[in-house]
């Protein structure tokens, strides 16, 4: 239900901020075309850092797992090549984007994606009646199930991708928008929730 490719990205990390020295431990990038995941890049990442015990408790990712994983110098170029110039999305996109840019910059690399879509912000604006937009609770409210444990990159990216597809279907069914593209989603991201319905009704005639 999405008319141009979008890559859904999810990182597991050692903490909340690359500025504080936190690093990535796992990545999943899923390319969505026509409402289906058609290609994926998934890898643990060895950034040669200590994995805090609470991160292992949350994600199940152990020190031994990352110590034997491909090095970040191998993973990041492969990830950036996978994303290419397609639009990028993530649930709470500013979090994943800052890690992507920090890890890329450390290797002298620059992401090439042309648009950044936040599925969390989209959900808040398109479904303002919901009580929570955390991925686990949001997916449950939308009838989307995790196929494997949450807080692993591929599982979270898979569910976030389905949330994004669900939003695309909702926009088609509710507003009659037949072309749901990254530019439209970025525009909705930037709006206050109260203005979204009017904007989408106006966009209806332009997206048919």
N, C-alpha and C. Protein backbone atom coordinates (compact mmCIF):
# COMPACT_ATOMS: atom_id res chain seq x y z
N UNK A 1 0.81 -1.20 0.00
CA UNK A 1 0.00 0.00 0.00
C UNK A 1 0.86 1.27 0.00
N UNK A 2 2.15 1.12 -0.21
CA UNK A 2 3.05 2.27 -0.30
C UNK A 2 3.62 2.27 -1.71
N UNK A 3 3.56 3.42 -2.38
CA UNK A 3 3.79 3.45 -3.82
C UNK A 3 5.24 3.65 -4.23
N UNK A 4 6.11 3.95 -3.29
CA UNK A 4 7.53 4.03 -3.56
C UNK A 4 8.27 3.26 -2.47
N UNK A 5 9.43 2.70 -2.77
CA UNK A 5 10.15 1.92 -1.75
C UNK A 5 10.47 2.75 -0.51
N UNK A 6 10.30 2.14 0.64
CA UNK A 6 10.69 2.73 1.92
C UNK A 6 11.43 1.66 2.71
N UNK A 7 12.55 2.03 3.30
CA UNK A 7 13.33 1.10 4.12
C UNK A 7 13.04 1.37 5.59
N UNK A 8 12.50 0.36 6.28
CA UNK A 8 12.23 0.46 7.71
C UNK A 8 13.49 0.03 8.46
N UNK A 9 13.98 0.89 9.33
CA UNK A 9 15.24 0.67 10.05
C UNK A 9 15.00 0.51 11.54
N UNK A 10 15.72 -0.41 12.15
CA UNK A 10 15.72 -0.50 13.61
C UNK A 10 17.11 -0.89 14.10
N UNK A 11 17.60 -0.15 15.10
CA UNK A 11 18.85 -0.48 15.77
C UNK A 11 18.58 -0.95 17.19
N UNK A 12 19.34 -1.93 17.65
CA UNK A 12 19.52 -2.14 19.08
C UNK A 12 20.86 -1.49 19.44
N UNK A 13 20.94 -0.89 20.62
CA UNK A 13 22.11 -0.11 21.00
C UNK A 13 22.48 -0.37 22.46
N UNK A 14 23.63 0.17 22.85
CA UNK A 14 24.07 0.02 24.25
C UNK A 14 23.46 1.08 25.15
N UNK A 15 22.78 2.06 24.58
CA UNK A 15 22.18 3.13 25.37
C UNK A 15 21.42 4.08 24.49
N UNK A 16 21.19 5.30 24.97
CA UNK A 16 20.28 6.22 24.30
C UNK A 16 20.95 7.26 23.43
N UNK A 17 22.26 7.46 23.58
CA UNK A 17 22.88 8.60 22.90
C UNK A 17 24.27 8.29 22.39
N UNK A 18 24.50 8.43 21.08
CA UNK A 18 25.86 8.28 20.57
C UNK A 18 26.80 9.36 21.09
N UNK A 19 26.24 10.52 21.45
CA UNK A 19 27.07 11.58 22.00
C UNK A 19 27.67 11.19 23.36
N UNK A 20 27.01 10.24 24.03
CA UNK A 20 27.52 9.76 25.32
C UNK A 20 28.35 8.49 25.16
N UNK A 21 28.67 8.14 23.93
CA UNK A 21 29.51 6.98 23.68
C UNK A 21 28.75 5.70 23.43
N UNK A 22 27.42 5.76 23.35
CA UNK A 22 26.64 4.55 23.10
C UNK A 22 26.80 4.13 21.63
N UNK A 23 26.73 2.83 21.38
CA UNK A 23 26.98 2.28 20.06
C UNK A 23 25.88 1.30 19.67
N UNK A 24 25.84 0.95 18.41
CA UNK A 24 24.85 -0.01 17.93
C UNK A 24 25.33 -1.44 18.19
N UNK A 25 24.39 -2.33 18.44
CA UNK A 25 24.70 -3.74 18.66
C UNK A 25 24.03 -4.64 17.62
N UNK A 26 22.97 -4.14 16.99
CA UNK A 26 22.25 -4.94 15.99
C UNK A 26 21.49 -4.00 15.08
N UNK A 27 21.36 -4.38 13.82
CA UNK A 27 20.62 -3.59 12.86
C UNK A 27 19.70 -4.49 12.04
N UNK A 28 18.54 -3.94 11.71
CA UNK A 28 17.65 -4.58 10.74
C UNK A 28 17.11 -3.49 9.82
N UNK A 29 17.21 -3.71 8.53
CA UNK A 29 16.67 -2.79 7.53
C UNK A 29 15.82 -3.60 6.57
N UNK A 30 14.54 -3.25 6.46
CA UNK A 30 13.58 -3.99 5.64
C UNK A 30 13.04 -3.07 4.55
N UNK A 31 13.21 -3.48 3.29
CA UNK A 31 12.70 -2.67 2.19
C UNK A 31 11.25 -3.05 1.90
N UNK A 32 10.37 -2.04 1.96
CA UNK A 32 8.94 -2.23 1.72
C UNK A 32 8.62 -1.73 0.32
N UNK A 33 8.03 -2.59 -0.50
CA UNK A 33 7.60 -2.21 -1.84
C UNK A 33 6.18 -2.71 -2.04
N UNK A 34 5.27 -1.81 -2.38
CA UNK A 34 3.89 -2.21 -2.63
C UNK A 34 3.22 -2.86 -1.44
N UNK A 35 3.60 -2.45 -0.23
CA UNK A 35 2.98 -2.99 0.97
C UNK A 35 3.56 -4.29 1.46
N UNK A 36 4.66 -4.76 0.85
CA UNK A 36 5.29 -6.02 1.25
C UNK A 36 6.78 -5.80 1.51
N UNK A 37 7.30 -6.52 2.50
CA UNK A 37 8.75 -6.52 2.72
C UNK A 37 9.37 -7.44 1.68
N UNK A 38 10.20 -6.89 0.81
CA UNK A 38 10.74 -7.66 -0.32
C UNK A 38 12.22 -7.97 -0.17
N UNK A 39 12.89 -7.29 0.78
CA UNK A 39 14.33 -7.48 0.93
C UNK A 39 14.71 -7.01 2.32
N UNK A 40 15.73 -7.64 2.90
CA UNK A 40 16.14 -7.24 4.25
C UNK A 40 17.64 -7.39 4.46
N UNK A 41 18.16 -6.53 5.32
CA UNK A 41 19.56 -6.62 5.76
C UNK A 41 19.52 -6.66 7.28
N UNK A 42 20.04 -7.73 7.87
CA UNK A 42 19.99 -7.92 9.32
C UNK A 42 21.37 -8.40 9.78
N UNK A 43 21.87 -7.79 10.84
CA UNK A 43 23.17 -8.22 11.36
C UNK A 43 23.37 -7.73 12.78
N UNK A 44 23.99 -8.58 13.61
CA UNK A 44 24.60 -8.10 14.83
C UNK A 44 25.83 -7.27 14.45
N UNK A 45 26.30 -6.43 15.37
CA UNK A 45 27.39 -5.51 15.06
C UNK A 45 28.42 -5.52 16.19
N UNK A 46 29.67 -5.66 15.83
CA UNK A 46 30.75 -5.58 16.81
C UNK A 46 31.36 -4.18 16.76
N UNK A 47 31.00 -3.35 17.73
CA UNK A 47 31.59 -2.01 17.86
C UNK A 47 32.70 -1.99 18.91
N UNK A 48 33.08 -3.18 19.39
CA UNK A 48 34.15 -3.32 20.39
C UNK A 48 33.87 -2.49 21.64
N UNK A 49 32.65 -2.66 22.14
CA UNK A 49 32.24 -1.99 23.39
C UNK A 49 31.63 -3.02 24.34
N UNK A 50 31.54 -2.64 25.60
CA UNK A 50 30.93 -3.51 26.61
C UNK A 50 29.42 -3.41 26.52
N UNK A 51 28.76 -4.55 26.59
CA UNK A 51 27.30 -4.59 26.58
C UNK A 51 26.80 -4.53 28.02
N UNK A 52 26.09 -3.46 28.41
CA UNK A 52 25.58 -3.38 29.79
C UNK A 52 24.64 -4.53 30.09
N UNK A 53 24.64 -4.95 31.34
CA UNK A 53 23.82 -6.11 31.72
C UNK A 53 22.34 -5.84 31.50
N UNK A 54 21.91 -4.59 31.69
CA UNK A 54 20.47 -4.31 31.51
C UNK A 54 20.09 -4.40 30.03
N UNK A 55 21.02 -4.14 29.13
CA UNK A 55 20.75 -4.28 27.70
C UNK A 55 20.60 -5.76 27.35
N UNK A 56 21.48 -6.58 27.91
CA UNK A 56 21.34 -8.03 27.71
C UNK A 56 20.00 -8.52 28.24
N UNK A 57 19.60 -8.00 29.42
CA UNK A 57 18.31 -8.39 29.99
C UNK A 57 17.14 -7.96 29.13
N UNK A 58 17.26 -6.81 28.49
CA UNK A 58 16.16 -6.27 27.67
C UNK A 58 16.09 -6.96 26.31
N UNK A 59 17.25 -7.16 25.69
CA UNK A 59 17.28 -7.61 24.30
C UNK A 59 17.68 -9.08 24.13
N UNK A 60 18.39 -9.62 25.11
CA UNK A 60 18.95 -10.95 24.95
C UNK A 60 20.27 -10.96 24.21
N UNK A 61 20.76 -9.78 23.82
CA UNK A 61 22.03 -9.69 23.11
C UNK A 61 23.17 -9.70 24.13
N UNK A 62 24.05 -10.67 24.02
CA UNK A 62 25.12 -10.85 25.00
C UNK A 62 26.45 -10.31 24.45
N UNK A 63 27.40 -10.20 25.38
CA UNK A 63 28.74 -9.78 24.98
C UNK A 63 29.34 -10.74 23.97
N UNK A 64 29.15 -12.02 24.20
CA UNK A 64 29.71 -13.02 23.29
C UNK A 64 29.11 -12.90 21.89
N UNK A 65 27.83 -12.56 21.81
CA UNK A 65 27.18 -12.43 20.50
C UNK A 65 27.79 -11.29 19.69
N UNK A 66 28.01 -10.14 20.32
CA UNK A 66 28.56 -9.02 19.56
C UNK A 66 30.06 -9.19 19.33
N UNK A 67 30.75 -9.84 20.26
CA UNK A 67 32.19 -10.05 20.07
C UNK A 67 32.48 -10.90 18.84
N UNK A 68 31.56 -11.79 18.51
CA UNK A 68 31.76 -12.67 17.35
C UNK A 68 31.02 -12.17 16.10
N UNK A 69 30.41 -10.98 16.20
CA UNK A 69 29.64 -10.42 15.08
C UNK A 69 30.55 -9.71 14.09
N UNK A 70 30.06 -9.42 12.89
CA UNK A 70 30.83 -8.63 11.93
C UNK A 70 31.18 -7.25 12.49
N UNK A 71 32.34 -6.72 12.19
CA UNK A 71 32.72 -5.41 12.73
C UNK A 71 31.91 -4.28 12.11
N UNK A 72 31.79 -3.19 12.85
CA UNK A 72 31.02 -2.04 12.37
C UNK A 72 31.57 -1.52 11.05
N UNK A 73 32.88 -1.65 10.82
CA UNK A 73 33.49 -1.20 9.56
C UNK A 73 32.98 -1.99 8.36
N UNK A 74 32.46 -3.18 8.60
CA UNK A 74 31.86 -3.98 7.54
C UNK A 74 30.35 -3.73 7.45
N UNK A 75 29.70 -3.62 8.61
CA UNK A 75 28.24 -3.53 8.64
C UNK A 75 27.74 -2.18 8.09
N UNK A 76 28.35 -1.08 8.52
CA UNK A 76 27.81 0.23 8.13
C UNK A 76 27.86 0.48 6.62
N UNK A 77 28.97 0.21 5.93
CA UNK A 77 28.93 0.39 4.47
C UNK A 77 27.88 -0.48 3.80
N UNK A 78 27.74 -1.72 4.28
CA UNK A 78 26.73 -2.61 3.70
C UNK A 78 25.32 -2.08 3.95
N UNK A 79 25.09 -1.56 5.15
CA UNK A 79 23.78 -0.99 5.48
C UNK A 79 23.47 0.22 4.62
N UNK A 80 24.42 1.13 4.49
CA UNK A 80 24.20 2.33 3.69
C UNK A 80 23.98 1.98 2.23
N UNK A 81 24.70 0.98 1.72
CA UNK A 81 24.46 0.53 0.36
C UNK A 81 23.07 -0.06 0.21
N UNK A 82 22.61 -0.81 1.22
CA UNK A 82 21.28 -1.40 1.18
C UNK A 82 20.21 -0.31 1.14
N UNK A 83 20.34 0.71 1.99
CA UNK A 83 19.35 1.79 2.03
C UNK A 83 19.39 2.59 0.73
N UNK A 84 20.60 2.89 0.27
CA UNK A 84 20.75 3.67 -0.95
C UNK A 84 20.06 5.02 -0.84
N UNK A 85 19.34 5.40 -1.88
CA UNK A 85 18.63 6.68 -1.90
C UNK A 85 17.14 6.52 -1.65
N UNK A 86 16.70 5.33 -1.26
CA UNK A 86 15.29 5.14 -0.92
C UNK A 86 14.94 5.95 0.33
N UNK A 87 13.66 6.23 0.52
CA UNK A 87 13.21 6.86 1.75
C UNK A 87 13.47 5.93 2.92
N UNK A 88 13.74 6.52 4.08
CA UNK A 88 14.04 5.76 5.30
C UNK A 88 12.94 6.01 6.31
N UNK A 89 12.59 4.98 7.07
CA UNK A 89 11.60 5.11 8.13
C UNK A 89 12.08 4.37 9.36
N UNK A 90 11.61 4.80 10.51
CA UNK A 90 11.87 4.11 11.77
C UNK A 90 10.79 4.53 12.75
N UNK A 91 10.60 3.72 13.78
CA UNK A 91 9.63 4.07 14.82
C UNK A 91 10.39 4.86 15.87
N UNK A 92 10.06 6.15 16.00
CA UNK A 92 10.88 7.13 16.72
C UNK A 92 12.15 7.36 15.90
N UNK A 93 11.96 7.88 14.70
CA UNK A 93 13.01 7.94 13.69
C UNK A 93 14.21 8.77 14.13
N UNK A 94 14.01 9.79 14.94
CA UNK A 94 15.14 10.62 15.35
C UNK A 94 16.17 9.81 16.11
N UNK A 95 15.74 8.80 16.87
CA UNK A 95 16.66 7.94 17.62
C UNK A 95 17.54 7.14 16.67
N UNK A 96 16.94 6.42 15.74
CA UNK A 96 17.71 5.59 14.82
C UNK A 96 18.55 6.43 13.87
N UNK A 97 18.02 7.57 13.46
CA UNK A 97 18.74 8.43 12.54
C UNK A 97 20.02 8.98 13.17
N UNK A 98 19.95 9.36 14.46
CA UNK A 98 21.16 9.91 15.07
C UNK A 98 22.25 8.85 15.22
N UNK A 99 21.86 7.59 15.48
CA UNK A 99 22.85 6.53 15.53
C UNK A 99 23.39 6.22 14.13
N UNK A 100 22.51 6.20 13.13
CA UNK A 100 22.96 5.95 11.77
C UNK A 100 23.98 6.99 11.34
N UNK A 101 23.69 8.24 11.60
CA UNK A 101 24.59 9.32 11.18
C UNK A 101 25.88 9.31 11.98
N UNK A 102 25.80 9.02 13.28
CA UNK A 102 27.01 8.99 14.10
C UNK A 102 27.95 7.86 13.69
N UNK A 103 27.38 6.68 13.48
CA UNK A 103 28.22 5.54 13.08
C UNK A 103 28.78 5.75 11.68
N UNK A 104 27.99 6.32 10.79
CA UNK A 104 28.48 6.59 9.44
C UNK A 104 29.59 7.64 9.47
N UNK A 105 29.38 8.72 10.22
CA UNK A 105 30.37 9.79 10.28
C UNK A 105 31.70 9.31 10.84
N UNK A 106 31.65 8.41 11.81
CA UNK A 106 32.88 7.87 12.39
C UNK A 106 33.73 7.13 11.38
N UNK A 107 33.09 6.66 10.31
CA UNK A 107 33.79 5.94 9.24
C UNK A 107 33.98 6.80 8.00
N UNK A 108 33.63 8.08 8.11
CA UNK A 108 33.76 8.97 6.97
C UNK A 108 32.73 8.74 5.89
N UNK A 109 31.57 8.21 6.27
CA UNK A 109 30.51 7.89 5.32
C UNK A 109 29.32 8.83 5.51
N UNK A 110 28.49 8.95 4.49
CA UNK A 110 27.32 9.82 4.54
C UNK A 110 26.10 9.07 4.00
N UNK A 111 25.01 8.98 4.78
CA UNK A 111 23.78 8.35 4.26
C UNK A 111 23.26 9.11 3.05
N UNK A 112 22.60 8.39 2.13
CA UNK A 112 22.12 8.99 0.89
C UNK A 112 20.59 9.03 0.78
N UNK A 113 19.89 8.60 1.83
CA UNK A 113 18.42 8.55 1.72
C UNK A 113 17.86 9.95 1.56
N UNK A 114 16.74 10.03 0.85
CA UNK A 114 16.18 11.32 0.45
C UNK A 114 15.08 11.83 1.37
N UNK A 115 14.53 10.97 2.22
CA UNK A 115 13.44 11.39 3.11
C UNK A 115 13.45 10.52 4.36
N UNK A 116 13.02 11.08 5.47
CA UNK A 116 12.95 10.35 6.73
C UNK A 116 11.52 10.41 7.25
N UNK A 117 10.91 9.24 7.43
CA UNK A 117 9.52 9.12 7.87
C UNK A 117 9.49 8.47 9.24
N UNK A 118 8.83 9.10 10.19
CA UNK A 118 8.73 8.54 11.55
C UNK A 118 7.37 7.87 11.72
N UNK A 119 7.37 6.55 11.86
CA UNK A 119 6.09 5.84 12.00
C UNK A 119 5.43 6.13 13.34
N UNK A 120 6.21 6.50 14.36
CA UNK A 120 5.61 6.87 15.64
C UNK A 120 4.82 8.18 15.50
N UNK A 121 5.45 9.21 14.91
CA UNK A 121 4.76 10.48 14.71
C UNK A 121 3.54 10.30 13.80
N UNK A 122 3.70 9.51 12.75
CA UNK A 122 2.56 9.25 11.85
C UNK A 122 1.39 8.64 12.61
N UNK A 123 1.69 7.66 13.47
CA UNK A 123 0.63 7.00 14.22
C UNK A 123 -0.09 7.96 15.14
N UNK A 124 0.65 8.85 15.77
CA UNK A 124 0.03 9.86 16.64
C UNK A 124 -0.91 10.76 15.87
N UNK A 125 -0.54 11.08 14.64
CA UNK A 125 -1.33 12.02 13.87
C UNK A 125 -2.51 11.36 13.16
N UNK A 126 -2.31 10.13 12.71
CA UNK A 126 -3.36 9.44 11.97
C UNK A 126 -4.35 8.74 12.90
N UNK A 127 -3.85 8.26 14.07
CA UNK A 127 -4.71 7.58 15.04
C UNK A 127 -4.63 8.30 16.39
N UNK A 128 -5.11 9.55 16.48
CA UNK A 128 -4.95 10.34 17.71
C UNK A 128 -5.73 9.79 18.90
N UNK A 129 -6.64 8.86 18.65
CA UNK A 129 -7.48 8.33 19.72
C UNK A 129 -6.79 7.23 20.53
N UNK A 130 -5.68 6.73 20.07
CA UNK A 130 -5.02 5.62 20.76
C UNK A 130 -4.33 6.09 22.03
N UNK A 131 -4.18 5.17 22.99
CA UNK A 131 -3.65 5.53 24.30
C UNK A 131 -2.14 5.54 24.37
N UNK A 132 -1.47 4.76 23.53
CA UNK A 132 -0.01 4.67 23.56
C UNK A 132 0.51 4.43 22.15
N UNK A 133 1.70 4.99 21.89
CA UNK A 133 2.31 4.81 20.58
C UNK A 133 3.65 4.08 20.68
N UNK A 134 3.93 3.50 21.85
CA UNK A 134 5.05 2.58 21.95
C UNK A 134 4.75 1.40 21.05
N UNK A 135 5.78 0.88 20.42
CA UNK A 135 5.57 -0.09 19.34
C UNK A 135 4.76 -1.30 19.78
N UNK A 136 5.06 -1.84 20.97
CA UNK A 136 4.34 -3.02 21.43
C UNK A 136 2.87 -2.77 21.65
N UNK A 137 2.53 -1.66 22.30
CA UNK A 137 1.13 -1.35 22.58
C UNK A 137 0.40 -0.88 21.32
N UNK A 138 1.09 -0.09 20.49
CA UNK A 138 0.49 0.38 19.25
C UNK A 138 0.15 -0.78 18.33
N UNK A 139 1.10 -1.68 18.15
CA UNK A 139 0.86 -2.82 17.25
C UNK A 139 -0.30 -3.67 17.75
N UNK A 140 -0.39 -3.84 19.07
CA UNK A 140 -1.51 -4.59 19.62
C UNK A 140 -2.84 -3.93 19.34
N UNK A 141 -2.88 -2.59 19.47
CA UNK A 141 -4.12 -1.86 19.21
C UNK A 141 -4.53 -1.95 17.75
N UNK A 142 -3.55 -2.11 16.86
CA UNK A 142 -3.84 -2.19 15.42
C UNK A 142 -4.00 -3.62 14.94
N UNK A 143 -3.89 -4.59 15.86
CA UNK A 143 -4.05 -5.99 15.49
C UNK A 143 -2.84 -6.60 14.81
N UNK A 144 -1.66 -6.03 15.05
CA UNK A 144 -0.42 -6.52 14.45
C UNK A 144 0.36 -7.27 15.52
N UNK A 145 0.77 -8.49 15.23
CA UNK A 145 1.42 -9.33 16.22
C UNK A 145 2.91 -9.48 15.94
N UNK A 146 3.69 -9.52 17.02
CA UNK A 146 5.11 -9.87 16.90
C UNK A 146 5.22 -11.36 16.60
N UNK A 147 6.06 -11.70 15.63
CA UNK A 147 6.29 -13.10 15.30
C UNK A 147 7.44 -13.68 16.12
N UNK A 148 8.25 -12.82 16.71
CA UNK A 148 9.33 -13.26 17.58
C UNK A 148 9.51 -12.20 18.66
N UNK A 149 10.50 -12.36 19.52
CA UNK A 149 10.64 -11.51 20.71
C UNK A 149 10.86 -10.05 20.33
N UNK A 150 10.17 -9.15 21.05
CA UNK A 150 10.40 -7.72 20.89
C UNK A 150 11.79 -7.37 21.38
N UNK A 151 12.22 -6.15 21.04
CA UNK A 151 13.54 -5.64 21.43
C UNK A 151 14.68 -6.39 20.78
N UNK A 152 14.40 -7.01 19.64
CA UNK A 152 15.43 -7.43 18.71
C UNK A 152 15.16 -6.68 17.41
N UNK A 153 16.22 -6.32 16.72
CA UNK A 153 16.08 -5.38 15.61
C UNK A 153 15.14 -5.87 14.53
N UNK A 154 15.27 -7.13 14.11
CA UNK A 154 14.44 -7.61 13.00
C UNK A 154 12.97 -7.69 13.41
N UNK A 155 12.69 -8.17 14.61
CA UNK A 155 11.30 -8.26 15.06
C UNK A 155 10.66 -6.89 15.15
N UNK A 156 11.39 -5.92 15.71
CA UNK A 156 10.84 -4.57 15.85
C UNK A 156 10.66 -3.92 14.48
N UNK A 157 11.63 -4.10 13.58
CA UNK A 157 11.51 -3.52 12.25
C UNK A 157 10.35 -4.15 11.48
N UNK A 158 10.15 -5.44 11.65
CA UNK A 158 9.04 -6.13 10.98
C UNK A 158 7.70 -5.56 11.41
N UNK A 159 7.53 -5.37 12.71
CA UNK A 159 6.26 -4.83 13.21
C UNK A 159 6.10 -3.38 12.81
N UNK A 160 7.16 -2.60 12.90
CA UNK A 160 7.08 -1.19 12.48
C UNK A 160 6.73 -1.08 11.00
N UNK A 161 7.27 -1.99 10.18
CA UNK A 161 6.93 -2.00 8.76
C UNK A 161 5.44 -2.26 8.57
N UNK A 162 4.90 -3.20 9.34
CA UNK A 162 3.47 -3.50 9.23
C UNK A 162 2.61 -2.33 9.71
N UNK A 163 3.09 -1.59 10.71
CA UNK A 163 2.39 -0.38 11.15
C UNK A 163 2.35 0.63 10.01
N UNK A 164 3.48 0.81 9.33
CA UNK A 164 3.54 1.77 8.24
C UNK A 164 2.60 1.36 7.10
N UNK A 165 2.59 0.09 6.77
CA UNK A 165 1.68 -0.41 5.73
C UNK A 165 0.23 -0.22 6.16
N UNK A 166 -0.06 -0.46 7.44
CA UNK A 166 -1.41 -0.26 7.97
C UNK A 166 -1.83 1.19 7.80
N UNK A 167 -0.92 2.11 8.07
CA UNK A 167 -1.21 3.53 7.91
C UNK A 167 -1.52 3.84 6.44
N UNK A 168 -0.73 3.28 5.53
CA UNK A 168 -0.98 3.49 4.12
C UNK A 168 -2.36 3.01 3.70
N UNK A 169 -2.74 1.83 4.19
CA UNK A 169 -4.07 1.29 3.88
C UNK A 169 -5.17 2.17 4.46
N UNK A 170 -4.93 2.67 5.68
CA UNK A 170 -5.91 3.54 6.33
C UNK A 170 -6.12 4.82 5.53
N UNK A 171 -5.03 5.40 5.03
CA UNK A 171 -5.15 6.64 4.27
C UNK A 171 -5.92 6.40 2.98
N UNK A 172 -5.71 5.26 2.36
CA UNK A 172 -6.46 4.93 1.14
C UNK A 172 -7.95 4.75 1.45
N UNK A 173 -8.22 3.96 2.50
CA UNK A 173 -9.61 3.63 2.80
C UNK A 173 -10.39 4.82 3.34
N UNK A 174 -9.75 5.65 4.15
CA UNK A 174 -10.45 6.74 4.82
C UNK A 174 -10.54 7.99 3.97
N UNK A 175 -9.48 8.30 3.24
CA UNK A 175 -9.42 9.56 2.51
C UNK A 175 -9.42 9.38 1.00
N UNK A 176 -9.40 8.14 0.53
CA UNK A 176 -9.42 7.90 -0.91
C UNK A 176 -8.13 8.27 -1.61
N UNK A 177 -7.04 8.35 -0.86
CA UNK A 177 -5.75 8.69 -1.46
C UNK A 177 -5.16 7.42 -2.08
N UNK A 178 -5.02 7.42 -3.36
CA UNK A 178 -4.56 6.21 -4.04
C UNK A 178 -3.05 6.13 -4.19
N UNK A 179 -2.36 7.25 -4.00
CA UNK A 179 -0.89 7.25 -4.08
C UNK A 179 -0.32 7.72 -2.74
N UNK A 180 0.12 6.76 -1.95
CA UNK A 180 0.71 7.07 -0.64
C UNK A 180 2.22 6.97 -0.80
N UNK A 181 2.89 8.13 -0.84
CA UNK A 181 4.32 8.14 -1.10
C UNK A 181 5.06 8.81 0.07
N UNK A 182 6.39 8.71 0.11
CA UNK A 182 7.14 9.30 1.22
C UNK A 182 6.91 10.79 1.40
N UNK A 183 6.76 11.53 0.31
CA UNK A 183 6.55 12.97 0.43
C UNK A 183 5.27 13.27 1.21
N UNK A 184 4.20 12.51 0.93
CA UNK A 184 2.95 12.69 1.67
C UNK A 184 3.15 12.37 3.15
N UNK A 185 3.84 11.26 3.44
CA UNK A 185 4.03 10.86 4.83
C UNK A 185 4.90 11.86 5.59
N UNK A 186 5.91 12.39 4.93
CA UNK A 186 6.75 13.42 5.57
C UNK A 186 5.91 14.66 5.88
N UNK A 187 5.03 15.04 4.96
CA UNK A 187 4.16 16.19 5.20
C UNK A 187 3.25 15.97 6.40
N UNK A 188 2.69 14.77 6.53
CA UNK A 188 1.83 14.46 7.67
C UNK A 188 2.63 14.48 8.96
N UNK A 189 3.86 13.98 8.92
CA UNK A 189 4.75 14.01 10.08
C UNK A 189 4.88 15.41 10.67
N UNK A 190 4.88 16.41 9.81
CA UNK A 190 5.18 17.78 10.23
C UNK A 190 3.96 18.52 10.75
N UNK A 191 2.78 17.94 10.59
CA UNK A 191 1.54 18.62 10.97
C UNK A 191 1.18 18.39 12.43
N UNK A 192 0.44 19.31 13.00
CA UNK A 192 -0.24 19.07 14.27
C UNK A 192 -1.38 18.10 14.01
N UNK A 193 -1.67 17.24 14.99
CA UNK A 193 -2.68 16.20 14.81
C UNK A 193 -4.03 16.79 14.38
N UNK A 194 -4.38 17.96 14.91
CA UNK A 194 -5.68 18.56 14.62
C UNK A 194 -5.81 18.99 13.16
N UNK A 195 -4.69 19.12 12.45
CA UNK A 195 -4.74 19.59 11.07
C UNK A 195 -4.63 18.46 10.05
N UNK A 196 -4.43 17.25 10.53
CA UNK A 196 -4.14 16.14 9.63
C UNK A 196 -5.33 15.80 8.74
N UNK A 197 -6.51 15.67 9.32
CA UNK A 197 -7.68 15.27 8.52
C UNK A 197 -7.96 16.26 7.41
N UNK A 198 -7.92 17.54 7.72
CA UNK A 198 -8.16 18.56 6.68
C UNK A 198 -7.09 18.48 5.59
N UNK A 199 -5.85 18.31 5.99
CA UNK A 199 -4.77 18.20 5.01
C UNK A 199 -4.98 17.00 4.09
N UNK A 200 -5.34 15.86 4.67
CA UNK A 200 -5.51 14.64 3.87
C UNK A 200 -6.72 14.74 2.95
N UNK A 201 -7.77 15.39 3.42
CA UNK A 201 -8.92 15.59 2.52
C UNK A 201 -8.52 16.47 1.34
N UNK A 202 -7.66 17.46 1.59
CA UNK A 202 -7.18 18.29 0.52
C UNK A 202 -6.23 17.57 -0.41
N UNK A 203 -5.46 16.65 0.16
CA UNK A 203 -4.51 15.89 -0.64
C UNK A 203 -5.19 14.83 -1.50
N UNK A 204 -6.42 14.48 -1.15
CA UNK A 204 -7.15 13.41 -1.85
C UNK A 204 -7.18 13.64 -3.35
N UNK A 205 -7.55 14.86 -3.75
CA UNK A 205 -7.69 15.13 -5.17
C UNK A 205 -6.35 15.13 -5.89
N UNK A 206 -5.28 15.44 -5.16
CA UNK A 206 -3.95 15.50 -5.78
C UNK A 206 -3.30 14.12 -5.88
N UNK A 207 -3.78 13.13 -5.09
CA UNK A 207 -3.13 11.84 -5.04
C UNK A 207 -3.91 10.75 -5.78
N UNK A 208 -4.95 11.11 -6.45
CA UNK A 208 -5.73 10.13 -7.19
C UNK A 208 -5.04 9.79 -8.52
